[in-house]
Each structure stands twice: as structure tokens, then as C-alpha cells.
Protein backbone atom coordinates (compact mmCIF):
# COMPACT_ATOMS: atom_id res chain seq x y z
CA UNK A 1 -59.37 30.96 -15.32
CA UNK A 2 -56.60 29.78 -13.00
CA UNK A 3 -58.27 26.40 -12.52
CA UNK A 4 -58.54 25.95 -16.28
CA UNK A 5 -54.86 26.86 -16.74
CA UNK A 6 -53.91 24.39 -14.00
CA UNK A 7 -55.84 21.60 -15.73
CA UNK A 8 -54.34 22.47 -19.13
CA UNK A 9 -50.81 22.71 -17.71
CA UNK A 10 -51.27 19.41 -15.93
CA UNK A 11 -52.30 17.59 -19.07
CA UNK A 12 -49.69 19.35 -21.22
CA UNK A 13 -46.73 18.83 -18.87
CA UNK A 14 -47.57 15.35 -17.58
CA UNK A 15 -46.13 13.48 -20.60
CA UNK A 16 -42.82 15.33 -20.27
CA UNK A 17 -42.56 14.47 -16.58
CA UNK A 18 -43.33 10.83 -17.30
CA UNK A 19 -40.73 10.76 -20.06
CA UNK A 20 -38.11 12.34 -17.77
CA UNK A 21 -38.84 9.89 -14.96
CA UNK A 22 -38.76 6.95 -17.37
CA UNK A 23 -35.44 8.07 -18.88
CA UNK A 24 -33.95 8.52 -15.41
CA UNK A 25 -35.08 5.03 -14.37
CA UNK A 26 -33.66 3.53 -17.56
CA UNK A 27 -30.33 5.34 -17.11
CA UNK A 28 -30.12 4.22 -13.48
CA UNK A 29 -30.80 0.64 -14.53
CA UNK A 30 -28.17 0.72 -17.28
CA UNK A 31 -25.50 2.27 -15.04
CA UNK A 32 -26.29 -0.08 -12.15
CA UNK A 33 -26.17 -3.14 -14.38
CA UNK A 34 -22.91 -2.04 -15.99
CA UNK A 35 -21.27 -1.45 -12.61
CA UNK A 36 -22.48 -4.81 -11.32
CA UNK A 37 -21.07 -6.63 -14.34
CA UNK A 38 -17.80 -4.72 -14.08
CA UNK A 39 -17.46 -5.68 -10.40
CA UNK A 40 -18.31 -9.33 -11.13
CA UNK A 41 -15.78 -9.40 -13.98
CA UNK A 42 -13.05 -7.95 -11.77
CA UNK A 43 -13.77 -10.55 -9.11
CA UNK A 44 -13.61 -13.33 -11.71
CA UNK A 45 -10.33 -12.37 -13.35
CA UNK A 46 -8.42 -11.05 -10.33
CA UNK A 47 -6.08 -13.13 -8.23
CA UNK A 48 -6.49 -13.34 -4.48
CA UNK A 49 -3.54 -11.03 -3.94
CA UNK A 50 -5.25 -8.37 -6.06
CA UNK A 51 -8.54 -8.76 -4.18
CA UNK A 52 -7.08 -8.74 -0.68
CA UNK A 53 -9.01 -6.69 1.91
CA UNK A 54 -6.61 -3.74 1.72
CA UNK A 55 -6.94 -3.46 -2.04
CA UNK A 56 -10.72 -3.94 -1.86
CA UNK A 57 -11.19 -1.12 0.62
CA UNK A 58 -8.85 1.08 -1.36
CA UNK A 59 -10.78 0.35 -4.55
CA UNK A 60 -14.08 1.21 -2.88
CA UNK A 61 -12.69 4.44 -1.46
CA UNK A 62 -13.10 3.34 2.15
CA UNK A 63 -9.61 4.32 3.27
CA UNK A 64 -10.03 7.40 5.42
CA UNK A 65 -6.62 7.55 7.13
CA UNK A 66 -8.23 7.73 10.56
CA UNK A 67 -10.36 10.81 9.99
CA UNK A 68 -13.52 8.92 10.99
CA UNK A 69 -11.91 7.85 14.25
CA UNK A 70 -10.83 11.41 14.97
CA UNK A 71 -14.30 12.82 14.22
CA UNK A 72 -15.97 10.18 16.40
CA UNK A 73 -13.57 10.93 19.26
CA UNK A 74 -13.99 14.71 19.04
CA UNK A 75 -17.73 14.83 18.32
CA UNK A 76 -19.04 11.92 20.38
CA UNK A 77 -16.26 10.94 22.78
CA UNK A 78 -16.05 7.48 21.20
CA UNK A 79 -12.96 5.42 21.90
CA UNK A 80 -11.81 2.17 20.36
CA UNK A 81 -12.26 -0.81 22.67
CA UNK A 82 -10.14 -3.95 22.84
CA UNK A 83 -12.53 -6.02 20.72
CA UNK A 84 -12.20 -3.60 17.81
CA UNK A 85 -8.42 -3.90 17.98
CA UNK A 86 -8.64 -7.70 18.16
CA UNK A 87 -10.97 -7.80 15.16
CA UNK A 88 -8.72 -5.46 13.18
CA UNK A 89 -5.70 -7.60 14.06
CA UNK A 90 -7.47 -10.77 12.87
CA UNK A 91 -8.46 -9.13 9.56
CA UNK A 92 -4.96 -7.73 9.02
CA UNK A 93 -3.27 -11.04 9.87
CA UNK A 94 -5.60 -12.90 7.51
CA UNK A 95 -4.83 -10.50 4.67
CA UNK A 96 -1.08 -10.82 5.24
CA UNK A 97 -1.30 -14.63 5.42
CA UNK A 98 -3.37 -14.95 2.24
CA UNK A 99 -1.15 -12.52 0.34
CA UNK A 100 2.05 -14.31 1.36
CA UNK A 101 0.59 -17.75 0.62
CA UNK A 102 -0.61 -16.70 -2.84
CA UNK A 103 2.78 -15.15 -3.63
CA UNK A 104 4.51 -18.37 -2.53
CA UNK A 105 2.17 -20.49 -4.68
CA UNK A 106 2.79 -18.19 -7.65
CA UNK A 107 6.56 -18.54 -7.22
CA UNK A 108 6.26 -22.34 -7.03
CA UNK A 109 4.10 -22.42 -10.15
CA UNK A 110 6.59 -20.22 -12.00
CA UNK A 111 9.43 -22.53 -10.97
CA UNK A 112 7.51 -25.53 -12.30
CA UNK A 113 6.54 -23.75 -15.51
CA UNK A 114 2.80 -23.74 -14.81
CA UNK A 115 1.02 -20.71 -16.29
CA UNK A 116 -0.52 -18.40 -13.68
CA UNK A 117 -4.22 -18.70 -12.84
CA UNK A 118 -6.55 -15.91 -13.80
């Protein structure tokens, strides 16, 4: 009797499982596509100063205010070596340079009456 109930339950419930899995896959596809297009649109219409590395990490939620460094130090004894500091300095200097240059170009364009780029 149990084997017959298992077979009946399998054939009765299988369509509902397939429908649920299909709906989940479709929803994941729709959400993923929408987020991809939103990200691409933001990259297309934003200026360089709005897409600087600081703003990008802030937008993605990657700013942790040093909590990851503290956890790595306490849990694993990890310390930051000189090459990490040099790399961080290069990234920070690049972001500052690009932001200042774009602001200067925007001021020059405003002085000349050229509409801003989008």
C-alpha cells in the first residue's frame, strides 16, 4: 500500500514541483536581466565623477569601515603588508586625480557654454 501511495504521490506532485522550479528560474532570469540592464544604464549615463571607485564601492555595499581588517587580524593574525598599502595608495590617488580632472573639465565647459556630457 505504501509503495502504491508513493507512486501516486510522485505522479500527482511532480507537475507542481516542475511548475515551482520553472517559475523560480523565470523569476531569477527576469530579476537578473533587469539588474544587468539597470547597471549598464547607470554606467552609460553617469559621469566619471559619479562612477569613481569610492562611489562604486559604496553603491555595491563594499564599504566595511575596516571591520574585515579587524576580523582578519583577530581571527587569523593577518596584517597588512607594504604592497597592500602601495596598491591602496595608487587606487586612491587615481580616483582623486580623475575626480579633480573631470571637475576641472566640467568647469571649463561651463565657462565656454558647452552643455555637460551625459
